[in-house]
C-alpha cells in the first residue's frame, strides 16, 4: 500500500481482486494513520430504495453506507 501524504484527500480507489488480507491491511493503515473515514450518508437497510435514489440523484459527495442492523 502506498502512503498518503499529510493533508492529502483520497476520493476513491480501485477495489478489484479484494482479499481478506488486503481488507485487513487497509484497516491497519486507517488505524495507524488515524484516517477518519466519514461516509456522506448512512441508510438503514429498510431505506435501501431511498439510498439508491440518493445516489442516482447525483447529490452525494461521498460514499453511502447501508446499515444492515439498523
Protein backbone atom coordinates (compact mmCIF):
# COMPACT_ATOMS: atom_id res chain seq x y z
CA UNK A 1 0.00 0.00 0.00
CA UNK A 2 1.24 3.48 -0.82
CA UNK A 3 1.44 6.09 1.93
CA UNK A 4 -0.87 9.07 1.59
CA UNK A 5 0.86 12.42 2.08
CA UNK A 6 -0.23 14.51 5.08
CA UNK A 7 -3.06 16.82 4.09
CA UNK A 8 -3.95 14.73 1.04
CA UNK A 9 -7.55 13.92 0.21
CA UNK A 10 -8.44 10.43 -1.01
CA UNK A 11 -11.63 10.41 -3.06
CA UNK A 12 -11.79 6.84 -4.26
CA UNK A 13 -9.87 3.88 -5.44
CA UNK A 14 -9.93 0.66 -7.44
CA UNK A 15 -11.41 -2.25 -5.49
CA UNK A 16 -10.79 -5.17 -7.87
CA UNK A 17 -9.44 -8.50 -6.55
CA UNK A 18 -10.20 -7.68 -2.92
CA UNK A 19 -8.93 -10.26 -0.46
CA UNK A 20 -9.26 -10.59 3.31
CA UNK A 21 -5.55 -9.79 3.57
CA UNK A 22 -5.99 -6.54 1.62
CA UNK A 23 -9.00 -5.51 3.74
CA UNK A 24 -7.02 -6.15 6.93
CA UNK A 25 -4.11 -4.14 5.52
CA UNK A 26 -6.47 -1.26 4.74
CA UNK A 27 -7.98 -1.25 8.25
CA UNK A 28 -4.48 -1.40 9.76
CA UNK A 29 -3.44 1.60 7.65
CA UNK A 30 -6.54 3.58 8.64
CA UNK A 31 -5.87 2.88 12.30
CA UNK A 32 -2.11 3.54 12.15
CA UNK A 33 -2.50 6.91 10.42
CA UNK A 34 -5.76 7.80 12.18
CA UNK A 35 -7.61 8.32 8.90
CA UNK A 36 -11.16 9.48 9.53
CA UNK A 37 -13.47 7.58 7.19
CA UNK A 38 -16.68 9.60 7.07
CA UNK A 39 -19.45 8.43 4.77
CA UNK A 40 -21.68 11.02 3.14
CA UNK A 41 -24.85 9.35 4.48
CA UNK A 42 -25.86 6.20 6.32
CA UNK A 43 -29.14 4.47 5.47
CA UNK A 44 -30.88 1.61 7.25
CA UNK A 45 -31.39 -1.50 5.13
CA UNK A 46 -35.15 -0.85 5.12
CA UNK A 47 -34.37 2.50 3.42
CA UNK A 48 -32.42 0.93 0.57
CA UNK A 49 -34.70 2.45 -2.13
CA UNK A 50 -34.05 5.92 -0.67
CA UNK A 51 -30.29 5.25 -0.64
CA UNK A 52 -30.40 4.21 -4.28
CA UNK A 53 -32.44 7.29 -5.20
CA UNK A 54 -29.96 9.49 -3.33
CA UNK A 55 -27.03 8.05 -5.28
CA UNK A 56 -28.91 8.26 -8.59
CA UNK A 57 -29.79 11.93 -7.93
CA UNK A 58 -26.14 12.97 -8.08
CA UNK A 59 -26.41 14.75 -4.72
CA UNK A 60 -23.94 12.51 -2.93
CA UNK A 61 -20.48 13.92 -2.25
CA UNK A 62 -19.03 10.70 -0.84
CA UNK A 63 -19.77 7.10 -0.04
CA UNK A 64 -23.15 5.86 1.13
CA UNK A 65 -23.28 3.13 3.77
CA UNK A 66 -26.14 0.66 4.26
CA UNK A 67 -26.51 -0.37 7.92
CA UNK A 68 -27.96 -3.88 7.89
CA UNK A 69 -28.50 -3.86 11.68
CA UNK A 70 -30.49 -0.62 11.87
